[in-house]
Amino acid sequence: MKEINIGMLGCGTVGTGVAKILIKNKDLISSRVGASLNLKSVADIDIASDRGLQFDKGVMTTDSDKVVTDPDIDIILEMIGGETIAKDLILKAIENGKHVVTANKALLANQGNEIFKAAEIKGVDLAFEASVGGCMPIIKSLRESLVGNKIKSMIGILNGTCNYILSKITDDGSTFKEALAEAQAKGYAEADSTLDVEGYDAAHKLALLISLAYGMEIDLSNIYVEGISSITPMDIEYAGQFGYRIKLLAISKNRGDTVEARVHPTMIPFDNILSNVNGSLNAINVSADAVGDILLYGRGAGMMPTASSVVSDTVDIARNILSGSARRIPLLSFQMENIRKIPVMPVDEIFTHYYIRFSALDKPGVLSRISGILGKNEISIKSVQQKGRKTNGSVPLVMLTHRAKEADVSKALSEINSLDVASDRPVLIRIEDENGQD
């Protein structure tokens, strides 16, 4: 049986999971692939810690350069993370003719155009299923299963930390701070949770997905990003009374010459499947012209779910090696010469529905002044309620709008915020209905 040698860079949480699968399920994998996948070298700065695995003698090393230049190694698995050493080693591996598997969404979202071009020039495979959605096969679905479809929209919960926090606030009435502390205690959130709770992690993933779906260069810088740190139990309660739940969503819509791409807290109806995806789970709804709507759902992070996707990519490349057909599937779904720059629509140009909560003085004429400013800016009110108790002379005034342009809403809220009857800045949360279709 042919042997395909694998070198792994980094043996932390996910790397250990990958090693466990490759070692413990080696015979199972071989029976499915028709070749033996041999974990030949594992580079890590710590080669002494007990990882609950018995590596063969000589497998562990601190010399990562030796691994990426080893002529006997066919596939490199980059499990280091970060954007410096990992990038250098990936490029060196590509230059040495190695196929590469990575879960490094931040690196690919920020510097992927350079890395994918290097792999294209060298004629090697670069696989990254584990970079988006953990064990959910969204990249394989876009590159293979939906290859005959025009992707109309993608709307998903792509960060388990945020989903866990919002679920705790919704179901248990926890504050953001309490829910974050619990997420950290359970290992769902890092000590520095900024990338997660401010939406950047989800934006990294969305940048990769829109490239795959629409044949565009990876464009992270123009994705609108808003996190969940300002979401309060009050707004979650009001959302529920209107029939909505609040989720951090990554949203993309194909607008022909432009693409919507945004990450922010969003109100979605109770009957939307995504509203019932709770805890640390991820899910994404893809709407396409031939298949209609499909939903992928599963663990978006964690040692073994992520490791499963890494091994899946490794097996795909191994099968390509066996058949002599490297690069059978384009790296970014489209042939490289057909990948182009497509503008990402500025958030001010989007049209959607809005939830707005004002904190206004309890005086006659306040509602008419606020509604007058909204009307002047072409914003139609769908419903309005004065809710909650008076605090320091102010009451919450909650409105839902019909579909409106973001720029008009921003202009109106700025004007309302300057009124002498407004005691605090308005709270705005966007609303998506009918699985994101207009």
Protein backbone atom coordinates (compact mmCIF):
# COMPACT_ATOMS: atom_id res chain seq x y z
CA MET A 1 0.00 0.00 0.00
CA LYS A 2 1.33 3.42 -0.95
CA GLU A 3 2.41 5.63 1.95
CA ILE A 4 1.64 9.36 1.97
CA ASN A 5 3.72 11.28 4.48
CA ILE A 6 2.33 14.15 6.51
CA GLY A 7 4.14 16.87 8.42
CA MET A 8 2.28 18.91 11.03
CA LEU A 9 3.24 22.36 12.32
CA GLY A 10 1.88 23.02 15.79
CA CYS A 11 0.48 20.49 18.22
CA GLY A 12 -1.83 22.50 20.42
CA THR A 13 -5.51 21.76 20.92
CA VAL A 14 -6.53 21.21 17.31
CA GLY A 15 -3.18 19.74 16.28
CA THR A 16 -3.48 17.15 19.05
CA GLY A 17 -6.96 16.29 17.82
CA VAL A 18 -5.67 15.82 14.27
CA ALA A 19 -2.89 13.55 15.52
CA LYS A 20 -5.39 11.49 17.53
CA ILE A 21 -7.54 10.87 14.46
CA LEU A 22 -4.61 10.09 12.16
CA ILE A 23 -3.05 7.68 14.67
CA LYS A 24 -6.07 6.01 16.26
CA ASN A 25 -8.11 5.74 13.06
CA LYS A 26 -5.18 5.01 10.77
CA ASP A 27 -6.48 1.62 9.61
CA LEU A 28 -10.00 2.97 9.02
CA ILE A 29 -8.65 5.88 6.97
CA SER A 30 -6.35 3.60 4.98
CA SER A 31 -9.24 1.30 4.12
CA ARG A 32 -11.17 4.26 2.74
CA VAL A 33 -8.32 6.00 0.94
CA GLY A 34 -6.32 3.08 -0.40
CA ALA A 35 -3.09 4.48 1.03
CA SER A 36 -1.45 4.76 4.43
CA LEU A 37 -1.44 8.30 5.82
CA ASN A 38 1.72 8.46 7.90
CA LEU A 39 2.24 11.28 10.39
CA LYS A 40 5.99 11.52 9.78
CA SER A 41 6.89 14.73 11.61
CA VAL A 42 5.26 17.05 14.14
CA ALA A 43 6.93 20.38 14.92
CA ASP A 44 6.15 22.28 18.10
CA ILE A 45 8.07 24.45 20.55
CA ASP A 46 6.93 22.06 23.31
CA ILE A 47 7.82 18.44 22.64
CA ALA A 48 7.84 17.29 26.27
CA SER A 49 4.21 17.69 27.37
CA ASP A 50 1.97 14.65 27.60
CA ARG A 51 -0.73 14.96 24.92
CA GLY A 52 -2.32 11.60 25.63
CA LEU A 53 -0.73 10.14 22.51
CA GLN A 54 2.17 7.84 21.81
CA PHE A 55 4.14 9.26 18.89
CA ASP A 56 6.71 7.08 17.18
CA LYS A 57 10.31 7.87 18.04
CA GLY A 58 11.64 10.85 16.12
CA VAL A 59 8.23 12.22 15.09
CA MET A 60 8.28 15.23 17.46
CA THR A 61 10.73 18.02 16.64
CA THR A 62 11.24 21.70 17.35
CA ASP A 63 12.62 22.31 13.85
CA SER A 64 9.68 23.46 11.70
CA ASP A 65 11.93 24.41 8.77
CA LYS A 66 13.13 20.83 8.60
CA VAL A 67 9.53 19.63 8.33
CA VAL A 68 8.49 21.94 5.47
CA THR A 69 11.64 21.18 3.48
CA ASP A 70 11.68 17.41 4.04
CA PRO A 71 11.59 15.89 0.52
CA ASP A 72 9.71 12.82 1.79
CA ILE A 73 6.75 14.80 3.15
CA ASP A 74 3.80 15.24 0.79
CA ILE A 75 1.31 17.28 2.85
CA ILE A 76 1.88 19.97 5.46
CA LEU A 77 -0.78 20.66 8.11
CA GLU A 78 -0.45 24.19 9.53
CA MET A 79 -1.95 24.24 13.03
CA ILE A 80 0.07 27.12 14.49
CA GLY A 81 -2.30 30.02 13.94
CA GLY A 82 -1.39 33.67 13.76
CA GLU A 83 -0.21 35.62 10.74
CA THR A 84 3.58 35.73 10.92
CA ILE A 85 5.39 32.43 11.45
CA ALA A 86 2.44 30.50 10.02
CA LYS A 87 2.49 32.53 6.81
CA ASP A 88 6.24 32.15 6.37
CA LEU A 89 6.06 28.39 6.87
CA ILE A 90 3.08 27.95 4.54
CA LEU A 91 4.85 29.88 1.77
CA LYS A 92 8.04 27.88 2.34
CA ALA A 93 6.08 24.63 2.20
CA ILE A 94 4.41 25.72 -1.06
CA GLU A 95 7.78 26.73 -2.53
CA ASN A 96 9.03 23.23 -1.68
CA GLY A 97 6.12 21.67 -3.57
CA LYS A 98 4.09 20.61 -0.53
CA HIS A 99 0.31 20.56 -0.45
CA VAL A 100 -1.01 22.49 2.54
CA VAL A 101 -3.99 22.15 4.89
CA THR A 102 -4.76 24.97 7.33
CA ALA A 103 -7.48 26.08 9.74
CA ASN A 104 -6.07 29.61 9.89
CA LYS A 105 -8.98 31.86 8.89
CA ALA A 106 -7.36 35.08 10.13
CA LEU A 107 -4.29 34.52 7.95
CA LEU A 108 -6.32 33.59 4.88
CA ALA A 109 -8.78 36.44 5.33
CA ASN A 110 -6.03 39.03 5.69
CA GLN A 111 -3.32 37.66 3.40
CA GLY A 112 -4.98 34.84 1.49
CA ASN A 113 -4.79 36.44 -1.95
CA GLU A 114 -0.99 36.25 -1.82
CA ILE A 115 -0.95 32.71 -0.45
CA PHE A 116 -3.49 31.33 -2.93
CA LYS A 117 -1.57 32.88 -5.84
CA ALA A 118 1.63 31.22 -4.61
CA ALA A 119 -0.13 27.84 -4.48
CA GLU A 120 -1.58 28.41 -7.96
CA ILE A 121 1.83 29.21 -9.43
CA LYS A 122 3.43 26.17 -7.77
CA GLY A 123 0.56 23.86 -8.72
CA VAL A 124 -0.15 22.55 -5.23
CA ASP A 125 -3.38 22.16 -3.27
CA LEU A 126 -4.28 24.45 -0.39
CA ALA A 127 -7.25 23.24 1.65
CA PHE A 128 -8.96 25.15 4.47
CA GLU A 129 -12.31 23.55 5.36
CA ALA A 130 -11.62 23.84 9.09
CA SER A 131 -11.19 27.60 8.85
CA VAL A 132 -14.96 28.17 8.60
CA GLY A 133 -17.61 26.49 10.71
CA GLY A 134 -15.53 23.77 12.36
CA CYS A 135 -17.00 20.46 11.27
CA MET A 136 -19.63 21.97 8.93
CA PRO A 137 -18.63 21.21 5.31
CA ILE A 138 -19.53 24.65 4.00
CA ILE A 139 -16.39 25.09 1.88
CA LYS A 140 -16.79 21.68 0.28
CA SER A 141 -20.45 22.49 -0.35
CA LEU A 142 -19.61 25.76 -2.11
CA ARG A 143 -16.71 24.35 -4.11
CA GLU A 144 -18.32 21.04 -5.06
CA SER A 145 -21.94 20.35 -4.17
CA LEU A 146 -23.25 23.76 -5.30
CA VAL A 147 -20.92 24.20 -8.27
CA GLY A 148 -23.87 24.50 -10.67
CA ASN A 149 -25.69 27.08 -8.57
CA LYS A 150 -25.72 30.84 -8.48
CA ILE A 151 -25.43 31.70 -4.80
CA LYS A 152 -28.03 34.29 -3.87
CA SER A 153 -27.31 34.69 -0.17
CA MET A 154 -25.48 33.20 2.79
CA ILE A 155 -26.63 33.95 6.32
CA GLY A 156 -25.05 32.22 9.25
CA ILE A 157 -24.08 31.96 12.88
CA LEU A 158 -20.32 31.56 12.51
CA ASN A 159 -19.03 32.24 16.01
CA GLY A 160 -19.88 29.85 18.82
CA THR A 161 -18.67 32.20 21.55
CA CYS A 162 -21.13 34.94 20.58
CA ASN A 163 -23.93 32.44 20.09
CA TYR A 164 -23.32 30.98 23.54
CA ILE A 165 -23.30 34.43 25.17
CA LEU A 166 -26.49 35.56 23.43
CA SER A 167 -28.18 32.26 24.31
CA LYS A 168 -27.30 32.73 27.99
CA ILE A 169 -28.60 36.30 28.02
CA THR A 170 -31.79 35.22 26.25
CA ASP A 171 -32.55 32.04 28.17
CA ASP A 172 -31.15 32.84 31.62
CA GLY A 173 -31.33 36.62 31.80
CA SER A 174 -27.56 36.84 32.31
CA THR A 175 -25.72 40.08 31.69
CA PHE A 176 -23.14 40.19 28.90
CA LYS A 177 -20.34 40.17 31.48
CA GLU A 178 -21.77 37.14 33.29
CA ALA A 179 -22.35 35.20 30.07
CA LEU A 180 -18.83 35.97 28.81
CA ALA A 181 -17.28 34.80 32.09
CA GLU A 182 -19.19 31.52 31.85
CA ALA A 183 -18.15 31.07 28.22
CA GLN A 184 -14.51 31.57 29.26
CA ALA A 185 -14.87 29.13 32.14
CA LYS A 186 -16.23 26.46 29.78
CA GLY A 187 -13.51 27.06 27.20
CA TYR A 188 -15.84 28.57 24.58
CA ALA A 189 -14.09 31.95 24.77
CA GLU A 190 -10.46 32.98 25.06
CA ALA A 191 -9.20 35.14 27.93
CA ASP A 192 -8.98 37.93 25.35
CA SER A 193 -12.30 37.49 23.60
CA THR A 194 -12.12 40.61 21.41
CA LEU A 195 -11.92 38.77 18.08
CA ASP A 196 -15.02 36.79 18.96
CA VAL A 197 -17.35 39.23 20.71
CA GLU A 198 -16.55 42.19 18.45
CA GLY A 199 -17.41 40.15 15.36
CA TYR A 200 -13.98 39.94 13.73
CA ASP A 201 -13.74 36.15 13.83
CA ALA A 202 -17.05 35.84 11.97
CA ALA A 203 -15.88 38.50 9.50
CA HIS A 204 -12.74 36.47 8.72
CA LYS A 205 -14.94 33.52 7.86
CA LEU A 206 -17.37 35.58 5.81
CA ALA A 207 -14.49 37.03 3.77
CA LEU A 208 -13.53 33.51 2.69
CA LEU A 209 -17.12 32.46 1.97
CA ILE A 210 -17.93 35.40 -0.29
CA SER A 211 -14.77 34.75 -2.28
CA LEU A 212 -15.81 31.13 -2.82
CA ALA A 213 -19.44 31.97 -3.56
CA TYR A 214 -19.00 34.87 -5.96
CA GLY A 215 -15.59 34.42 -7.55
CA MET A 216 -14.09 37.54 -5.99
CA GLU A 217 -10.75 38.34 -4.46
CA ILE A 218 -10.73 37.96 -0.69
CA ASP A 219 -11.86 41.31 0.71
CA LEU A 220 -11.92 41.61 4.49
CA SER A 221 -11.33 45.34 4.83
CA ASN A 222 -14.71 46.35 3.37
CA ILE A 223 -16.88 44.01 5.45
CA TYR A 224 -18.97 45.93 7.97
CA VAL A 225 -18.40 44.53 11.48
CA GLU A 226 -20.30 45.16 14.68
CA GLY A 227 -20.03 43.01 17.81
CA ILE A 228 -22.39 42.00 20.60
CA SER A 229 -20.86 43.75 23.61
CA SER A 230 -23.55 46.46 23.61
CA ILE A 231 -26.51 44.04 23.48
CA THR A 232 -28.56 44.28 26.67
CA PRO A 233 -31.09 41.95 28.30
CA MET A 234 -33.62 44.77 27.81
CA ASP A 235 -33.30 44.63 24.01
CA ILE A 236 -33.35 40.84 23.99
CA GLU A 237 -36.56 40.94 26.04
CA TYR A 238 -38.17 43.47 23.71
CA ALA A 239 -37.09 41.45 20.67
CA GLY A 240 -38.83 38.42 22.15
CA GLN A 241 -42.03 40.37 22.67
CA PHE A 242 -42.02 41.27 18.98
CA GLY A 243 -41.40 37.62 18.00
CA TYR A 244 -37.66 37.80 17.37
CA ARG A 245 -34.40 36.47 18.77
CA ILE A 246 -31.09 38.29 18.51
CA LYS A 247 -28.14 36.49 16.92
CA LEU A 248 -24.75 37.62 15.68
CA LEU A 249 -25.11 36.92 11.96
CA ALA A 250 -22.68 36.94 9.07
CA ILE A 251 -24.75 38.08 6.10
CA SER A 252 -23.94 38.08 2.40
CA LYS A 253 -26.25 38.83 -0.52
CA ASN A 254 -25.49 38.79 -4.21
CA ARG A 255 -26.46 42.15 -5.71
CA GLY A 256 -25.09 41.50 -9.19
CA ASP A 257 -22.34 44.11 -9.60
CA THR A 258 -21.83 44.34 -5.83
CA VAL A 259 -22.00 42.05 -2.81
CA GLU A 260 -23.45 42.72 0.61
CA ALA A 261 -21.12 41.48 3.32
CA ARG A 262 -21.74 42.40 6.95
CA VAL A 263 -21.49 41.00 10.47
CA HIS A 264 -23.66 42.39 13.25
CA PRO A 265 -26.30 41.53 15.86
CA THR A 266 -29.53 40.79 14.03
CA MET A 267 -33.13 40.15 14.99
CA ILE A 268 -34.64 37.11 13.26
CA PRO A 269 -38.15 35.65 13.66
CA PHE A 270 -38.83 32.72 15.96
CA ASP A 271 -39.81 30.57 12.94
CA ASN A 272 -36.43 31.10 11.25
CA ILE A 273 -34.39 27.94 11.83
CA LEU A 274 -31.33 29.98 12.77
CA SER A 275 -33.17 31.50 15.72
CA ASN A 276 -33.24 28.05 17.33
CA VAL A 277 -29.51 27.38 16.95
CA ASN A 278 -28.31 27.89 20.51
CA GLY A 279 -25.31 27.39 22.75
CA SER A 280 -21.93 27.16 21.03
CA LEU A 281 -23.33 25.65 17.83
CA ASN A 282 -22.86 27.18 14.37
CA ALA A 283 -25.19 27.10 11.38
CA ILE A 284 -25.40 28.66 7.94
CA ASN A 285 -28.27 28.98 5.49
CA VAL A 286 -27.28 29.11 1.83
CA SER A 287 -29.84 30.20 -0.74
CA ALA A 288 -29.07 29.27 -4.35
CA ASP A 289 -30.99 29.35 -7.61
CA ALA A 290 -31.19 25.59 -8.26
CA VAL A 291 -31.40 24.03 -4.79
CA GLY A 292 -33.29 26.77 -2.97
CA ASP A 293 -32.33 26.92 0.72
CA ILE A 294 -30.00 24.49 2.47
CA LEU A 295 -28.83 24.57 6.08
CA LEU A 296 -25.59 23.28 7.56
CA TYR A 297 -25.45 22.92 11.33
CA GLY A 298 -22.85 21.67 13.79
CA ARG A 299 -19.95 22.34 16.13
CA GLY A 300 -18.09 25.38 14.90
CA ALA A 301 -15.02 24.92 17.07
CA GLY A 302 -13.35 22.55 19.50
CA MET A 303 -10.58 20.02 19.29
CA MET A 304 -12.25 17.09 17.57
CA PRO A 305 -14.84 18.79 15.31
CA THR A 306 -12.16 21.06 13.84
CA ALA A 307 -9.66 18.20 13.63
CA SER A 308 -12.23 16.17 11.69
CA SER A 309 -12.33 18.84 8.97
CA VAL A 310 -8.53 19.00 8.84
CA VAL A 311 -8.37 15.25 8.33
CA SER A 312 -11.08 15.47 5.66
CA ASP A 313 -8.97 17.97 3.71
CA THR A 314 -5.91 15.79 4.18
CA VAL A 315 -7.74 12.78 2.75
CA ASP A 316 -8.99 14.81 -0.24
CA ILE A 317 -5.42 15.79 -1.07
CA ALA A 318 -4.19 12.23 -0.52
CA ARG A 319 -6.76 10.98 -3.03
CA ASN A 320 -5.59 13.62 -5.51
CA ILE A 321 -2.01 12.42 -5.05
CA LEU A 322 -3.06 8.82 -5.65
CA SER A 323 -4.87 9.72 -8.86
CA GLY A 324 -2.18 12.09 -10.07
CA SER A 325 -4.69 14.93 -10.22
CA ALA A 326 -3.49 17.72 -7.96
CA ARG A 327 -5.57 20.87 -8.26
CA ARG A 328 -8.61 18.90 -9.45
CA ILE A 329 -10.82 21.52 -7.75
CA PRO A 330 -9.90 25.23 -7.98
CA LEU A 331 -8.59 26.55 -4.69
CA LEU A 332 -11.19 29.30 -4.45
CA SER A 333 -13.94 27.47 -6.36
CA PHE A 334 -13.45 29.54 -9.53
CA GLN A 335 -10.61 29.21 -11.99
CA MET A 336 -7.96 31.75 -11.01
CA GLU A 337 -8.32 33.76 -14.24
CA ASN A 338 -12.03 34.20 -13.48
CA ILE A 339 -11.55 35.60 -9.98
CA ARG A 340 -12.06 39.36 -10.02
CA LYS A 341 -12.55 42.33 -7.77
CA ILE A 342 -16.21 42.79 -6.88
CA PRO A 343 -17.10 45.79 -4.72
CA VAL A 344 -18.53 45.14 -1.27
CA MET A 345 -21.57 47.35 -0.79
CA PRO A 346 -21.02 50.03 1.88
CA VAL A 347 -23.33 49.44 4.82
CA ASP A 348 -24.91 52.87 4.29
CA GLU A 349 -26.35 51.61 1.01
CA ILE A 350 -28.13 48.52 2.33
CA PHE A 351 -31.90 48.33 2.74
CA THR A 352 -33.35 46.34 5.61
CA HIS A 353 -35.79 46.54 8.54
CA TYR A 354 -34.82 48.07 11.88
CA TYR A 355 -35.51 47.85 15.59
CA ILE A 356 -34.85 51.20 17.29
CA ARG A 357 -35.06 51.89 21.00
CA PHE A 358 -35.12 55.50 22.13
CA SER A 359 -34.70 56.73 25.67
CA ALA A 360 -36.92 59.79 25.67
CA LEU A 361 -38.27 62.20 28.24
CA ASP A 362 -41.87 61.46 29.21
CA LYS A 363 -43.36 64.66 27.76
CA PRO A 364 -46.23 65.43 25.38
CA GLY A 365 -45.24 65.65 21.74
CA VAL A 366 -42.06 63.55 21.99
CA LEU A 367 -43.40 60.74 19.79
CA SER A 368 -44.57 63.16 17.12
CA ARG A 369 -41.16 64.88 17.00
CA ILE A 370 -39.32 61.57 16.65
CA SER A 371 -41.74 60.14 14.08
CA GLY A 372 -41.61 63.41 12.16
CA ILE A 373 -37.83 63.16 11.78
CA LEU A 374 -38.11 59.52 10.71
CA GLY A 375 -40.78 60.38 8.14
CA LYS A 376 -38.74 63.27 6.78
CA ASN A 377 -35.95 60.76 6.12
CA GLU A 378 -38.19 58.28 4.27
CA ILE A 379 -38.43 55.86 7.20
CA SER A 380 -41.85 54.29 7.67
CA ILE A 381 -42.79 53.04 11.13
CA LYS A 382 -44.26 49.53 11.27
CA SER A 383 -45.07 49.51 14.98
CA VAL A 384 -44.32 51.59 18.05
CA GLN A 385 -44.65 50.89 21.74
CA GLN A 386 -43.77 52.74 24.89
CA LYS A 387 -42.39 50.00 27.09
CA GLY A 388 -40.93 49.72 30.55
CA ARG A 389 -40.82 51.99 33.56
CA LYS A 390 -39.75 55.59 33.75
CA THR A 391 -36.10 56.04 34.78
CA ASN A 392 -34.85 59.53 35.67
CA GLY A 393 -37.77 61.03 33.80
CA SER A 394 -37.14 58.94 30.64
CA VAL A 395 -39.03 55.99 29.17
CA PRO A 396 -38.02 53.42 26.55
CA LEU A 397 -39.74 54.07 23.22
CA VAL A 398 -39.42 51.07 20.90
CA MET A 399 -40.08 51.09 17.16
CA LEU A 400 -39.91 48.63 14.30
CA THR A 401 -39.54 50.11 10.83
CA HIS A 402 -40.45 48.99 7.38
CA ARG A 403 -37.62 48.46 4.92
CA ALA A 404 -35.38 51.53 4.85
CA LYS A 405 -31.96 52.64 3.66
CA GLU A 406 -29.20 52.53 6.27
CA ALA A 407 -27.90 55.99 5.36
CA ASP A 408 -31.35 57.48 5.93
CA VAL A 409 -31.69 55.71 9.27
CA SER A 410 -28.26 56.89 10.41
CA LYS A 411 -29.07 60.48 9.44
CA ALA A 412 -32.40 60.39 11.26
CA LEU A 413 -30.93 58.89 14.43
CA SER A 414 -28.19 61.50 14.49
CA GLU A 415 -30.80 64.24 14.31
CA ILE A 416 -33.00 62.60 16.97
CA ASN A 417 -30.01 62.15 19.27
CA SER A 418 -29.50 65.92 19.27
CA LEU A 419 -33.05 66.61 20.50
CA ASP A 420 -33.44 67.96 24.02
CA VAL A 421 -35.97 65.19 24.75
CA ALA A 422 -33.49 62.38 23.96
CA SER A 423 -31.74 61.31 27.15
CA ASP A 424 -29.46 58.67 25.62
CA ARG A 425 -28.23 57.51 22.23
CA PRO A 426 -30.77 55.40 20.30
CA VAL A 427 -30.13 51.65 20.09
CA LEU A 428 -30.35 50.17 16.59
CA ILE A 429 -30.55 46.48 15.67
CA ARG A 430 -31.11 45.33 12.10
CA ILE A 431 -33.84 42.80 11.30
CA GLU A 432 -33.73 39.97 8.76
CA ASP A 433 -36.99 38.28 7.76
CA GLU A 434 -37.71 35.24 5.56
CA ASN A 435 -34.20 33.74 5.76
CA GLY A 436 -32.69 36.95 4.51
CA GLN A 437 -34.67 37.23 1.28
CA ASP A 438 -36.11 40.68 0.54
